[in-house]
Amino acid sequence: QVQLVESGGGLVQPGGSLRVSCAASGSIFSINAMNWYRQAPGKERELVAAIASGGRTNYADSVRGRFTISRDNAKNTAYLQMNSLKPEDTAVYYCFAKIQTNSGRLGDYWGQGTQVTVSS
C-alpha cells in the first residue's frame, strides 16, 4: 500500500513564505509525477504545480513566478515553496502522485491535505 502525507501548512501573513511537503511511503517502485492541487472554499480543486520524474515542471498561471515545485527522489518527497503569498492562495493543499508499486500497479494517490491560510 502507498500513502501520501502532507505537512508544513499553517497561517502566514500576506507576502510571506511557506513550504509544504509531501512524503510518499509504502511499496513504491517509481513515482512518475507529483502534483500539488488546492481547493479553496466554494471552489473546485485546481492544479497548482506539477513535476515529472525527469524534472519537467508546470505551474498554474496564478502562481507562476511565486511558487516552486521540487522533488527529492531519494526521499520520495515533493515540496512546494510558496513565496509572496496572497490571501487568494488560502486553500487546502493536496498532494497527488502517480505511482507504480513494487507489484507493478500504476495508480493515482492523494494525500489528506494541509491547510494554508494567508491572512494578516
PDB file of N, CA and C in Angstrom:
ATOM      1  N   GLN A   1       0.843  -1.200   0.000  1.00  0.00           N
ATOM      2  CA  GLN A   1       0.000   0.000   0.000  1.00  0.00           C
ATOM      3  C   GLN A   1       0.876   1.248   0.000  1.00  0.00           C
ATOM      4  N   VAL A   2       0.325   2.318  -0.545  1.00  0.00           N
ATOM      5  CA  VAL A   2       1.027   3.579  -0.669  1.00  0.00           C
ATOM      6  C   VAL A   2       0.245   4.649   0.065  1.00  0.00           C
ATOM      7  N   GLN A   3       0.968   5.514   0.737  1.00  0.00           N
ATOM      8  CA  GLN A   3       0.352   6.619   1.446  1.00  0.00           C
ATOM      9  C   GLN A   3       1.124   7.897   1.179  1.00  0.00           C
ATOM     10  N   LEU A   4       0.390   8.992   0.995  1.00  0.00           N
ATOM     11  CA  LEU A   4       0.978  10.316   0.866  1.00  0.00           C
ATOM     12  C   LEU A   4       0.582  11.138   2.080  1.00  0.00           C
ATOM     13  N   VAL A   5       1.547  11.805   2.677  1.00  0.00           N
ATOM     14  CA  VAL A   5       1.295  12.618   3.854  1.00  0.00           C
ATOM     15  C   VAL A   5       1.856  14.003   3.625  1.00  0.00           C
ATOM     16  N   GLU A   6       0.982  15.009   3.684  1.00  0.00           N
ATOM     17  CA  GLU A   6       1.401  16.399   3.560  1.00  0.00           C
ATOM     18  C   GLU A   6       1.731  16.967   4.935  1.00  0.00           C
ATOM     19  N   SER A   7       2.597  17.954   4.928  1.00  0.00           N
ATOM     20  CA  SER A   7       2.931  18.664   6.147  1.00  0.00           C
ATOM     21  C   SER A   7       3.404  20.062   5.789  1.00  0.00           C
ATOM     22  N   GLY A   8       3.455  20.922   6.781  1.00  0.00           N
ATOM     23  CA  GLY A   8       4.005  22.252   6.594  1.00  0.00           C
ATOM     24  C   GLY A   8       2.995  23.360   6.415  1.00  0.00           C
ATOM     25  N   GLY A   9       1.725  23.032   6.366  1.00  0.00           N
ATOM     26  CA  GLY A   9       0.722  24.069   6.246  1.00  0.00           C
ATOM     27  C   GLY A   9       0.617  24.886   7.516  1.00  0.00           C
ATOM     28  N   GLY A  10      -0.080  25.999   7.403  1.00  0.00           N
ATOM     29  CA  GLY A  10      -0.249  26.854   8.560  1.00  0.00           C
ATOM     30  C   GLY A  10      -0.731  28.227   8.175  1.00  0.00           C
ATOM     31  N   LEU A  11      -0.597  29.143   9.110  1.00  0.00           N
ATOM     32  CA  LEU A  11      -1.019  30.527   8.934  1.00  0.00           C
ATOM     33  C   LEU A  11       0.191  31.391   8.609  1.00  0.00           C
ATOM     34  N   VAL A  12       0.063  32.199   7.575  1.00  0.00           N
ATOM     35  CA  VAL A  12       1.146  33.083   7.168  1.00  0.00           C
ATOM     36  C   VAL A  12       0.562  34.417   6.740  1.00  0.00           C
ATOM     37  N   GLN A  13       1.319  35.482   6.935  1.00  0.00           N
ATOM     38  CA  GLN A  13       0.870  36.807   6.547  1.00  0.00           C
ATOM     39  C   GLN A  13       1.024  37.018   5.050  1.00  0.00           C
ATOM     40  N   PRO A  14       0.200  37.890   4.461  1.00  0.00           N
ATOM     41  CA  PRO A  14       0.393  38.218   3.049  1.00  0.00           C
ATOM     42  C   PRO A  14       1.815  38.685   2.780  1.00  0.00           C
ATOM     43  N   GLY A  15       2.366  38.208   1.679  1.00  0.00           N
ATOM     44  CA  GLY A  15       3.741  38.500   1.346  1.00  0.00           C
ATOM     45  C   GLY A  15       4.742  37.539   1.939  1.00  0.00           C
ATOM     46  N   GLY A  16       4.294  36.688   2.820  1.00  0.00           N
ATOM     47  CA  GLY A  16       5.172  35.741   3.463  1.00  0.00           C
ATOM     48  C   GLY A  16       5.406  34.500   2.629  1.00  0.00           C
ATOM     49  N   SER A  17       6.133  33.570   3.216  1.00  0.00           N
ATOM     50  CA  SER A  17       6.509  32.343   2.530  1.00  0.00           C
ATOM     51  C   SER A  17       6.175  31.135   3.382  1.00  0.00           C
ATOM     52  N   LEU A  18       5.977  30.028   2.705  1.00  0.00           N
ATOM     53  CA  LEU A  18       5.672  28.777   3.367  1.00  0.00           C
ATOM     54  C   LEU A  18       6.100  27.644   2.452  1.00  0.00           C
ATOM     55  N   ARG A  19       6.572  26.566   3.030  1.00  0.00           N
ATOM     56  CA  ARG A  19       6.905  25.385   2.256  1.00  0.00           C
ATOM     57  C   ARG A  19       6.119  24.206   2.781  1.00  0.00           C
ATOM     58  N   VAL A  20       5.380  23.578   1.885  1.00  0.00           N
ATOM     59  CA  VAL A  20       4.661  22.371   2.230  1.00  0.00           C
ATOM     60  C   VAL A  20       5.380  21.169   1.627  1.00  0.00           C
ATOM     61  N   SER A  21       5.266  20.048   2.305  1.00  0.00           N
ATOM     62  CA  SER A  21       5.955  18.838   1.896  1.00  0.00           C
ATOM     63  C   SER A  21       4.963  17.707   1.707  1.00  0.00           C
ATOM     64  N   CYS A  22       5.321  16.785   0.854  1.00  0.00           N
ATOM     65  CA  CYS A  22       4.523  15.592   0.603  1.00  0.00           C
ATOM     66  C   CYS A  22       5.453  14.398   0.581  1.00  0.00           C
ATOM     67  N   ALA A  23       5.296  13.528   1.543  1.00  0.00           N
ATOM     68  CA  ALA A  23       6.127  12.335   1.643  1.00  0.00           C
ATOM     69  C   ALA A  23       5.324  11.106   1.265  1.00  0.00           C
ATOM     70  N   ALA A  24       5.825  10.368   0.306  1.00  0.00           N
ATOM     71  CA  ALA A  24       5.200   9.125  -0.114  1.00  0.00           C
ATOM     72  C   ALA A  24       5.907   7.953   0.543  1.00  0.00           C
ATOM     73  N   SER A  25       5.137   6.991   0.981  1.00  0.00           N
ATOM     74  CA  SER A  25       5.707   5.814   1.611  1.00  0.00           C
ATOM     75  C   SER A  25       4.922   4.581   1.195  1.00  0.00           C
ATOM     76  N   GLY A  26       5.545   3.442   1.369  1.00  0.00           N
ATOM     77  CA  GLY A  26       4.910   2.189   1.021  1.00  0.00           C
ATOM     78  C   GLY A  26       5.701   1.424  -0.023  1.00  0.00           C
ATOM     79  N   SER A  27       5.011   0.541  -0.705  1.00  0.00           N
ATOM     80  CA  SER A  27       5.644  -0.323  -1.699  1.00  0.00           C
ATOM     81  C   SER A  27       5.756   0.407  -3.028  1.00  0.00           C
ATOM     82  N   ILE A  28       6.712   1.307  -3.105  1.00  0.00           N
ATOM     83  CA  ILE A  28       6.868   2.185  -4.258  1.00  0.00           C
ATOM     84  C   ILE A  28       8.016   1.715  -5.130  1.00  0.00           C
ATOM     85  N   PHE A  29       7.710   1.506  -6.399  1.00  0.00           N
ATOM     86  CA  PHE A  29       8.745   1.211  -7.379  1.00  0.00           C
ATOM     87  C   PHE A  29       9.247   2.495  -8.031  1.00  0.00           C
ATOM     88  N   SER A  30       8.329   3.349  -8.439  1.00  0.00           N
ATOM     89  CA  SER A  30       8.700   4.615  -9.043  1.00  0.00           C
ATOM     90  C   SER A  30       7.538   5.584  -8.929  1.00  0.00           C
ATOM     91  N   ILE A  31       7.862   6.854  -8.954  1.00  0.00           N
ATOM     92  CA  ILE A  31       6.861   7.912  -8.945  1.00  0.00           C
ATOM     93  C   ILE A  31       6.997   8.698 -10.235  1.00  0.00           C
ATOM     94  N   ASN A  32       6.004   8.586 -11.088  1.00  0.00           N
ATOM     95  CA  ASN A  32       6.067   9.234 -12.388  1.00  0.00           C
ATOM     96  C   ASN A  32       5.862  10.736 -12.299  1.00  0.00           C
ATOM     97  N   ALA A  33       4.954  11.140 -11.459  1.00  0.00           N
ATOM     98  CA  ALA A  33       4.644  12.553 -11.327  1.00  0.00           C
ATOM     99  C   ALA A  33       4.181  12.845  -9.919  1.00  0.00           C
ATOM    100  N   MET A  34       4.495  14.028  -9.454  1.00  0.00           N
ATOM    101  CA  MET A  34       3.988  14.512  -8.182  1.00  0.00           C
ATOM    102  C   MET A  34       3.428  15.905  -8.413  1.00  0.00           C
ATOM    103  N   ASN A  35       2.186  16.087  -8.030  1.00  0.00           N
ATOM    104  CA  ASN A  35       1.489  17.341  -8.265  1.00  0.00           C
ATOM    105  C   ASN A  35       0.979  17.920  -6.960  1.00  0.00           C
ATOM    106  N   TRP A  36       0.811  19.226  -6.970  1.00  0.00           N
ATOM    107  CA  TRP A  36       0.116  19.907  -5.899  1.00  0.00           C
ATOM    108  C   TRP A  36      -1.175  20.504  -6.438  1.00  0.00           C
ATOM    109  N   TYR A  37      -2.259  20.230  -5.751  1.00  0.00           N
ATOM    110  CA  TYR A  37      -3.553  20.817  -6.025  1.00  0.00           C
ATOM    111  C   TYR A  37      -3.971  21.643  -4.821  1.00  0.00           C
ATOM    112  N   ARG A  38      -4.944  22.499  -5.031  1.00  0.00           N
ATOM    113  CA  ARG A  38      -5.518  23.218  -3.908  1.00  0.00           C
ATOM    114  C   ARG A  38      -7.007  23.394  -4.132  1.00  0.00           C
ATOM    115  N   GLN A  39      -7.716  23.525  -3.040  1.00  0.00           N
ATOM    116  CA  GLN A  39      -9.148  23.736  -3.093  1.00  0.00           C
ATOM    117  C   GLN A  39      -9.526  24.788  -2.065  1.00  0.00           C
ATOM    118  N   ALA A  40     -10.013  25.906  -2.563  1.00  0.00           N
ATOM    119  CA  ALA A  40     -10.484  26.985  -1.713  1.00  0.00           C
ATOM    120  C   ALA A  40     -11.966  26.794  -1.437  1.00  0.00           C
ATOM    121  N   PRO A  41     -12.470  27.409  -0.373  1.00  0.00           N
ATOM    122  CA  PRO A  41     -13.896  27.269  -0.054  1.00  0.00           C
ATOM    123  C   PRO A  41     -14.784  27.678  -1.219  1.00  0.00           C
ATOM    124  N   GLY A  42     -15.724  26.825  -1.556  1.00  0.00           N
ATOM    125  CA  GLY A  42     -16.663  27.118  -2.618  1.00  0.00           C
ATOM    126  C   GLY A  42     -16.127  26.983  -4.022  1.00  0.00           C
ATOM    127  N   LYS A  43     -14.905  26.490  -4.171  1.00  0.00           N
ATOM    128  CA  LYS A  43     -14.307  26.369  -5.486  1.00  0.00           C
ATOM    129  C   LYS A  43     -13.886  24.931  -5.759  1.00  0.00           C
ATOM    130  N   GLU A  44     -13.701  24.654  -7.039  1.00  0.00           N
ATOM    131  CA  GLU A  44     -13.235  23.342  -7.451  1.00  0.00           C
ATOM    132  C   GLU A  44     -11.750  23.186  -7.146  1.00  0.00           C
ATOM    133  N   ARG A  45     -11.353  21.953  -6.978  1.00  0.00           N
ATOM    134  CA  ARG A  45      -9.943  21.667  -6.798  1.00  0.00           C
ATOM    135  C   ARG A  45      -9.193  21.989  -8.090  1.00  0.00           C
ATOM    136  N   GLU A  46      -8.074  22.682  -7.974  1.00  0.00           N
ATOM    137  CA  GLU A  46      -7.320  23.092  -9.145  1.00  0.00           C
ATOM    138  C   GLU A  46      -5.865  22.668  -9.027  1.00  0.00           C
ATOM    139  N   LEU A  47      -5.277  22.413 -10.172  1.00  0.00           N
ATOM    140  CA  LEU A  47      -3.860  22.070 -10.221  1.00  0.00           C
ATOM    141  C   LEU A  47      -3.029  23.320 -10.003  1.00  0.00           C
ATOM    142  N   VAL A  48      -2.096  23.243  -9.080  1.00  0.00           N
ATOM    143  CA  VAL A  48      -1.208  24.354  -8.772  1.00  0.00           C
ATOM    144  C   VAL A  48       0.139  24.183  -9.452  1.00  0.00           C
ATOM    145  N   ALA A  49       0.728  23.019  -9.294  1.00  0.00           N
ATOM    146  CA  ALA A  49       2.050  22.761  -9.847  1.00  0.00           C
ATOM    147  C   ALA A  49       2.234  21.268 -10.032  1.00  0.00           C
ATOM    148  N   ALA A  50       3.065  20.915 -10.986  1.00  0.00           N
ATOM    149  CA  ALA A  50       3.334  19.518 -11.278  1.00  0.00           C
ATOM    150  C   ALA A  50       4.798  19.344 -11.619  1.00  0.00           C
ATOM    151  N   ILE A  51       5.331  18.191 -11.258  1.00  0.00           N
ATOM    152  CA  ILE A  51       6.706  17.877 -11.609  1.00  0.00           C
ATOM    153  C   ILE A  51       6.783  16.409 -12.000  1.00  0.00           C
ATOM    154  N   ALA A  52       7.383  16.158 -13.139  1.00  0.00           N
ATOM    155  CA  ALA A  52       7.561  14.809 -13.630  1.00  0.00           C
ATOM    156  C   ALA A  52       8.849  14.210 -13.083  1.00  0.00           C
ATOM    157  N   SER A  53       9.022  12.926 -13.325  1.00  0.00           N
ATOM    158  CA  SER A  53      10.195  12.244 -12.795  1.00  0.00           C
ATOM    159  C   SER A  53      11.493  12.819 -13.336  1.00  0.00           C
ATOM    160  N   GLY A  54      11.456  13.325 -14.573  1.00  0.00           N
ATOM    161  CA  GLY A  54      12.635  13.916 -15.173  1.00  0.00           C
ATOM    162  C   GLY A  54      12.883  15.357 -14.788  1.00  0.00           C
ATOM    163  N   GLY A  55      11.988  15.947 -14.024  1.00  0.00           N
ATOM    164  CA  GLY A  55      12.175  17.300 -13.553  1.00  0.00           C
ATOM    165  C   GLY A  55      11.379  18.365 -14.277  1.00  0.00           C
ATOM    166  N   ARG A  56      10.660  17.998 -15.325  1.00  0.00           N
ATOM    167  CA  ARG A  56       9.840  18.978 -16.034  1.00  0.00           C
ATOM    168  C   ARG A  56       8.734  19.460 -15.120  1.00  0.00           C
ATOM    169  N   THR A  57       8.498  20.763 -15.109  1.00  0.00           N
ATOM    170  CA  THR A  57       7.510  21.355 -14.221  1.00  0.00           C
ATOM    171  C   THR A  57       6.467  22.136 -14.993  1.00  0.00           C
ATOM    172  N   ASN A  58       5.297  22.253 -14.399  1.00  0.00           N
ATOM    173  CA  ASN A  58       4.223  23.083 -14.907  1.00  0.00           C
ATOM    174  C   ASN A  58       3.577  23.796 -13.732  1.00  0.00           C
ATOM    175  N   TYR A  59       3.125  25.020 -13.987  1.00  0.00           N
ATOM    176  CA  TYR A  59       2.516  25.829 -12.944  1.00  0.00           C
ATOM    177  C   TYR A  59       1.239  26.467 -13.450  1.00  0.00           C
ATOM    178  N   ALA A  60       0.310  26.650 -12.531  1.00  0.00           N
ATOM    179  CA  ALA A  60      -0.843  27.465 -12.836  1.00  0.00           C
ATOM    180  C   ALA A  60      -0.403  28.910 -13.028  1.00  0.00           C
ATOM    181  N   ASP A  61      -1.088  29.610 -13.921  1.00  0.00           N
ATOM    182  CA  ASP A  61      -0.718  30.995 -14.188  1.00  0.00           C
ATOM    183  C   ASP A  61      -0.750  31.854 -12.924  1.00  0.00           C
ATOM    184  N   SER A  62      -1.652  31.536 -12.028  1.00  0.00           N
ATOM    185  CA  SER A  62      -1.825  32.345 -10.837  1.00  0.00           C
ATOM    186  C   SER A  62      -0.665  32.240  -9.854  1.00  0.00           C
ATOM    187  N   VAL A  63       0.159  31.205  -9.985  1.00  0.00           N
ATOM    188  CA  VAL A  63       1.254  31.015  -9.044  1.00  0.00           C
ATOM    189  C   VAL A  63       2.620  31.049  -9.700  1.00  0.00           C
ATOM    190  N   ARG A  64       2.659  31.063 -11.010  1.00  0.00           N
ATOM    191  CA  ARG A  64       3.935  31.051 -11.714  1.00  0.00           C
ATOM    192  C   ARG A  64       4.774  32.265 -11.318  1.00  0.00           C
ATOM    193  N   GLY A  65       6.025  32.015 -10.985  1.00  0.00           N
ATOM    194  CA  GLY A  65       6.908  33.069 -10.527  1.00  0.00           C
ATOM    195  C   GLY A  65       6.931  33.241  -9.034  1.00  0.00           C
ATOM    196  N   ARG A  66       5.930  32.711  -8.342  1.00  0.00           N
ATOM    197  CA  ARG A  66       5.871  32.792  -6.892  1.00  0.00           C
ATOM    198  C   ARG A  66       6.095  31.446  -6.214  1.00  0.00           C
ATOM    199  N   PHE A  67       5.601  30.387  -6.845  1.00  0.00           N
ATOM    200  CA  PHE A  67       5.709  29.046  -6.279  1.00  0.00           C
ATOM    201  C   PHE A  67       6.748  28.241  -7.038  1.00  0.00           C
ATOM    202  N   THR A  68       7.399  27.334  -6.340  1.00  0.00           N
ATOM    203  CA  THR A  68       8.356  26.434  -6.950  1.00  0.00           C
ATOM    204  C   THR A  68       8.122  25.022  -6.444  1.00  0.00           C
ATOM    205  N   ILE A  69       7.921  24.098  -7.369  1.00  0.00           N
ATOM    206  CA  ILE A  69       7.770  22.702  -7.003  1.00  0.00           C
ATOM    207  C   ILE A  69       9.099  21.989  -7.207  1.00  0.00           C
ATOM    208  N   SER A  70       9.413  21.087  -6.316  1.00  0.00           N
ATOM    209  CA  SER A  70      10.631  20.305  -6.420  1.00  0.00           C
ATOM    210  C   SER A  70      10.377  18.924  -5.838  1.00  0.00           C
ATOM    211  N   ARG A  71      11.301  18.022  -6.071  1.00  0.00           N
ATOM    212  CA  ARG A  71      11.165  16.684  -5.522  1.00  0.00           C
ATOM    213  C   ARG A  71      12.527  16.122  -5.174  1.00  0.00           C
ATOM    214  N   ASP A  72      12.539  15.311  -4.154  1.00  0.00           N
ATOM    215  CA  ASP A  72      13.720  14.586  -3.728  1.00  0.00           C
ATOM    216  C   ASP A  72      13.404  13.112  -3.939  1.00  0.00           C
ATOM    217  N   ASN A  73      13.910  12.557  -5.014  1.00  0.00           N
ATOM    218  CA  ASN A  73      13.562  11.187  -5.363  1.00  0.00           C
ATOM    219  C   ASN A  73      14.067  10.178  -4.336  1.00  0.00           C
ATOM    220  N   ALA A  74      15.185  10.477  -3.703  1.00  0.00           N
ATOM    221  CA  ALA A  74      15.714   9.570  -2.696  1.00  0.00           C
ATOM    222  C   ALA A  74      14.796   9.473  -1.490  1.00  0.00           C
ATOM    223  N   LYS A  75      14.059  10.534  -1.224  1.00  0.00           N
ATOM    224  CA  LYS A  75      13.146  10.563  -0.089  1.00  0.00           C
ATOM    225  C   LYS A  75      11.695  10.347  -0.492  1.00  0.00           C
ATOM    226  N   ASN A  76      11.441  10.184  -1.793  1.00  0.00           N
ATOM    227  CA  ASN A  76      10.067  10.075  -2.294  1.00  0.00           C
ATOM    228  C   ASN A  76       9.209  11.225  -1.783  1.00  0.00           C
ATOM    229  N   THR A  77       9.771  12.404  -1.851  1.00  0.00           N
ATOM    230  CA  THR A  77       9.131  13.579  -1.276  1.00  0.00           C
ATOM    231  C   THR A  77       9.081  14.713  -2.290  1.00  0.00           C
ATOM    232  N   ALA A  78       7.958  15.398  -2.332  1.00  0.00           N
ATOM    233  CA  ALA A  78       7.796  16.597  -3.134  1.00  0.00           C
ATOM    234  C   ALA A  78       7.600  17.792  -2.219  1.00  0.00           C
ATOM    235  N   TYR A  79       8.000  18.944  -2.711  1.00  0.00           N
ATOM    236  CA  TYR A  79       7.888  20.173  -1.954  1.00  0.00           C
ATOM    237  C   TYR A  79       7.229  21.235  -2.813  1.00  0.00           C
ATOM    238  N   LEU A  80       6.561  22.139  -2.160  1.00  0.00           N
ATOM    239  CA  LEU A  80       6.031  23.319  -2.817  1.00  0.00           C
ATOM    240  C   LEU A  80       6.449  24.531  -2.002  1.00  0.00           C
ATOM    241  N   GLN A  81       7.395  25.275  -2.538  1.00  0.00           N
ATOM    242  CA  GLN A  81       7.838  26.506  -1.910  1.00  0.00           C
ATOM    243  C   GLN A  81       6.945  27.635  -2.385  1.00  0.00           C
ATOM    244  N   MET A  82       6.275  28.278  -1.462  1.00  0.00           N
ATOM    245  CA  MET A  82       5.317  29.323  -1.780  1.00  0.00           C
ATOM    246  C   MET A  82       5.834  30.650  -1.245  1.00  0.00           C
ATOM    247  N   ASN A  83       6.102  31.569  -2.146  1.00  0.00           N
ATOM    248  CA  ASN A  83       6.584  32.892  -1.795  1.00  0.00           C
ATOM    249  C   ASN A  83       5.565  33.942  -2.205  1.00  0.00           C
ATOM    250  N   SER A  84       5.711  35.125  -1.651  1.00  0.00           N
ATOM    251  CA  SER A  84       4.821  36.239  -1.962  1.00  0.00           C
ATOM    252  C   SER A  84       3.366  35.824  -1.877  1.00  0.00           C
ATOM    253  N   LEU A  85       3.023  35.184  -0.795  1.00  0.00           N
ATOM    254  CA  LEU A  85       1.690  34.623  -0.641  1.00  0.00           C
ATOM    255  C   LEU A  85       0.636  35.713  -0.567  1.00  0.00           C
ATOM    256  N   LYS A  86      -0.507  35.401  -1.147  1.00  0.00           N
ATOM    257  CA  LYS A  86      -1.641  36.295  -1.194  1.00  0.00           C
ATOM    258  C   LYS A  86      -2.825  35.655  -0.482  1.00  0.00           C
ATOM    259  N   PRO A  87      -3.760  36.459   0.002  1.00  0.00           N
ATOM    260  CA  PRO A  87      -4.957  35.869   0.599  1.00  0.00           C
ATOM    261  C   PRO A  87      -5.678  34.901  -0.333  1.00  0.00           C
ATOM    262  N   GLU A  88      -5.606  35.149  -1.630  1.00  0.00           N
ATOM    263  CA  GLU A  88      -6.243  34.274  -2.602  1.00  0.00           C
ATOM    264  C   GLU A  88      -5.611  32.885  -2.650  1.00  0.00           C
ATOM    265  N   ASP A  89      -4.434  32.731  -2.065  1.00  0.00           N
ATOM    266  CA  ASP A  89      -3.788  31.428  -2.013  1.00  0.00           C
ATOM    267  C   ASP A  89      -4.331  30.547  -0.897  1.00  0.00           C
ATOM    268  N   THR A  90      -5.169  31.108  -0.053  1.00  0.00           N
ATOM    269  CA  THR A  90      -5.740  30.341   1.048  1.00  0.00           C
ATOM    270  C   THR A  90      -6.547  29.166   0.511  1.00  0.00           C
ATOM    271  N   ALA A  91      -6.199  27.976   0.950  1.00  0.00           N
ATOM    272  CA  ALA A  91      -6.855  26.767   0.465  1.00  0.00           C
ATOM    273  C   ALA A  91      -6.298  25.573   1.219  1.00  0.00           C
ATOM    274  N   VAL A  92      -6.953  24.454   1.032  1.00  0.00           N
ATOM    275  CA  VAL A  92      -6.370  23.187   1.424  1.00  0.00           C
ATOM    276  C   VAL A  92      -5.521  22.698   0.268  1.00  0.00           C
ATOM    277  N   TYR A  93      -4.273  22.420   0.545  1.00  0.00           N
ATOM    278  CA  TYR A  93      -3.343  21.975  -0.479  1.00  0.00           C
ATOM    279  C   TYR A  93      -3.195  20.461  -0.401  1.00  0.00           C
ATOM    280  N   TYR A  94      -3.396  19.822  -1.551  1.00  0.00           N
ATOM    281  CA  TYR A  94      -3.367  18.373  -1.641  1.00  0.00           C
ATOM    282  C   TYR A  94      -2.208  17.910  -2.511  1.00  0.00           C
ATOM    283  N   CYS A  95      -1.557  16.886  -2.066  1.00  0.00           N
ATOM    284  CA  CYS A  95      -0.522  16.239  -2.849  1.00  0.00           C
ATOM    285  C   CYS A  95      -1.131  15.105  -3.660  1.00  0.00           C
ATOM    286  N   PHE A  96      -0.691  14.986  -4.891  1.00  0.00           N
ATOM    287  CA  PHE A  96      -1.097  13.908  -5.778  1.00  0.00           C
ATOM    288  C   PHE A  96       0.144  13.267  -6.371  1.00  0.00           C
ATOM    289  N   ALA A  97       0.122  11.963  -6.504  1.00  0.00           N
ATOM    290  CA  ALA A  97       1.238  11.272  -7.128  1.00  0.00           C
ATOM    291  C   ALA A  97       0.738  10.126  -7.974  1.00  0.00           C
ATOM    292  N   LYS A  98       1.365   9.966  -9.129  1.00  0.00           N
ATOM    293  CA  LYS A  98       1.122   8.803  -9.964  1.00  0.00           C
ATOM    294  C   LYS A  98       2.280   7.843  -9.708  1.00  0.00           C
ATOM    295  N   ILE A  99       1.946   6.703  -9.135  1.00  0.00           N
ATOM    296  CA  ILE A  99       2.959   5.816  -8.578  1.00  0.00           C
ATOM    297  C   ILE A  99       2.811   4.412  -9.140  1.00  0.00           C
ATOM    298  N   GLN A 100       3.944   3.828  -9.507  1.00  0.00           N
ATOM    299  CA  GLN A 100       3.990   2.412  -9.827  1.00  0.00           C
ATOM    300  C   GLN A 100       4.487   1.678  -8.594  1.00  0.00           C
ATOM    301  N   THR A 101       3.701   0.744  -8.121  1.00  0.00           N
ATOM    302  CA  THR A 101       4.072  -0.010  -6.934  1.00  0.00           C
ATOM    303  C   THR A 101       5.027  -1.127  -7.286  1.00  0.00           C
ATOM    304  N   ASN A 102       5.584  -1.730  -6.256  1.00  0.00           N
ATOM    305  CA  ASN A 102       6.505  -2.847  -6.471  1.00  0.00           C
ATOM    306  C   ASN A 102       5.827  -4.047  -7.122  1.00  0.00           C
ATOM    307  N   SER A 103       4.518  -4.142  -6.991  1.00  0.00           N
ATOM    308  CA  SER A 103       3.779  -5.218  -7.631  1.00  0.00           C
ATOM    309  C   SER A 103       3.443  -4.920  -9.082  1.00  0.00           C
ATOM    310  N   GLY A 104       3.808  -3.729  -9.561  1.00  0.00           N
ATOM    311  CA  GLY A 104       3.603  -3.378 -10.948  1.00  0.00           C
ATOM    312  C   GLY A 104       2.360  -2.573 -11.248  1.00  0.00           C
ATOM    313  N   ARG A 105       1.601  -2.223 -10.246  1.00  0.00           N
ATOM    314  CA  ARG A 105       0.367  -1.482 -10.454  1.00  0.00           C
ATOM    315  C   ARG A 105       0.653   0.013 -10.520  1.00  0.00           C
ATOM    316  N   LEU A 106       0.095   0.669 -11.536  1.00  0.00           N
ATOM    317  CA  LEU A 106       0.207   2.108 -11.689  1.00  0.00           C
ATOM    318  C   LEU A 106      -1.108   2.728 -11.252  1.00  0.00           C
ATOM    319  N   GLY A 107      -1.039   3.618 -10.284  1.00  0.00           N
ATOM    320  CA  GLY A 107      -2.248   4.212  -9.765  1.00  0.00           C
ATOM    321  C   GLY A 107      -2.062   5.638  -9.298  1.00  0.00           C
ATOM    322  N   ASP A 108      -3.186   6.276  -9.018  1.00  0.00           N
ATOM    323  CA  ASP A 108      -3.219   7.645  -8.524  1.00  0.00           C
ATOM    324  C   ASP A 108      -3.419   7.638  -7.018  1.00  0.00           C
ATOM    325  N   TYR A 109      -2.667   8.487  -6.333  1.00  0.00           N
ATOM    326  CA  TYR A 109      -2.732   8.553  -4.883  1.00  0.00           C
ATOM    327  C   TYR A 109      -2.835   9.997  -4.442  1.00  0.00           C
ATOM    328  N   TRP A 110      -3.618  10.217  -3.408  1.00  0.00           N
ATOM    329  CA  TRP A 110      -3.856  11.542  -2.860  1.00  0.00           C
ATOM    330  C   TRP A 110      -3.497  11.597  -1.389  1.00  0.00           C
ATOM    331  N   GLY A 111      -2.950  12.727  -0.975  1.00  0.00           N
ATOM    332  CA  GLY A 111      -2.765  12.975   0.432  1.00  0.00           C
ATOM    333  C   GLY A 111      -4.034  13.503   1.064  1.00  0.00           C
ATOM    334  N   GLN A 112      -4.005  13.671   2.364  1.00  0.00           N
ATOM    335  CA  GLN A 112      -5.188  14.100   3.093  1.00  0.00           C
ATOM    336  C   GLN A 112      -5.390  15.610   3.055  1.00  0.00           C
ATOM    337  N   GLY A 113      -4.393  16.352   2.626  1.00  0.00           N
ATOM    338  CA  GLY A 113      -4.484  17.793   2.530  1.00  0.00           C
ATOM    339  C   GLY A 113      -3.901  18.498   3.733  1.00  0.00           C
ATOM    340  N   THR A 114      -3.385  19.682   3.494  1.00  0.00           N
ATOM    341  CA  THR A 114      -2.882  20.526   4.565  1.00  0.00           C
ATOM    342  C   THR A 114      -3.378  21.950   4.338  1.00  0.00           C
ATOM    343  N   GLN A 115      -3.855  22.569   5.390  1.00  0.00           N
ATOM    344  CA  GLN A 115      -4.459  23.893   5.288  1.00  0.00           C
ATOM    345  C   GLN A 115      -3.388  24.966   5.229  1.00  0.00           C
ATOM    346  N   VAL A 116      -3.520  25.846   4.250  1.00  0.00           N
ATOM    347  CA  VAL A 116      -2.682  27.037   4.147  1.00  0.00           C
ATOM    348  C   VAL A 116      -3.598  28.250   4.211  1.00  0.00           C
ATOM    349  N   THR A 117      -3.368  29.091   5.190  1.00  0.00           N
ATOM    350  CA  THR A 117      -4.177  30.286   5.373  1.00  0.00           C
ATOM    351  C   THR A 117      -3.279  31.508   5.307  1.00  0.00           C
ATOM    352  N   VAL A 118      -3.606  32.419   4.407  1.00  0.00           N
ATOM    353  CA  VAL A 118      -2.843  33.651   4.226  1.00  0.00           C
ATOM    354  C   VAL A 118      -3.716  34.798   4.713  1.00  0.00           C
ATOM    355  N   SER A 119      -3.342  35.370   5.830  1.00  0.00           N
ATOM    356  CA  SER A 119      -4.162  36.405   6.441  1.00  0.00           C
ATOM    357  C   SER A 119      -3.302  37.249   7.368  1.00  0.00           C
ATOM    358  N   SER A 120      -3.647  38.523   7.462  1.00  0.00           N
ATOM    359  CA  SER A 120      -2.938  39.411   8.352  1.00  0.00           C
ATOM    360  C   SER A 120      -3.541  39.369   9.747  1.00  0.00           C
TER     361      SER A 120
END
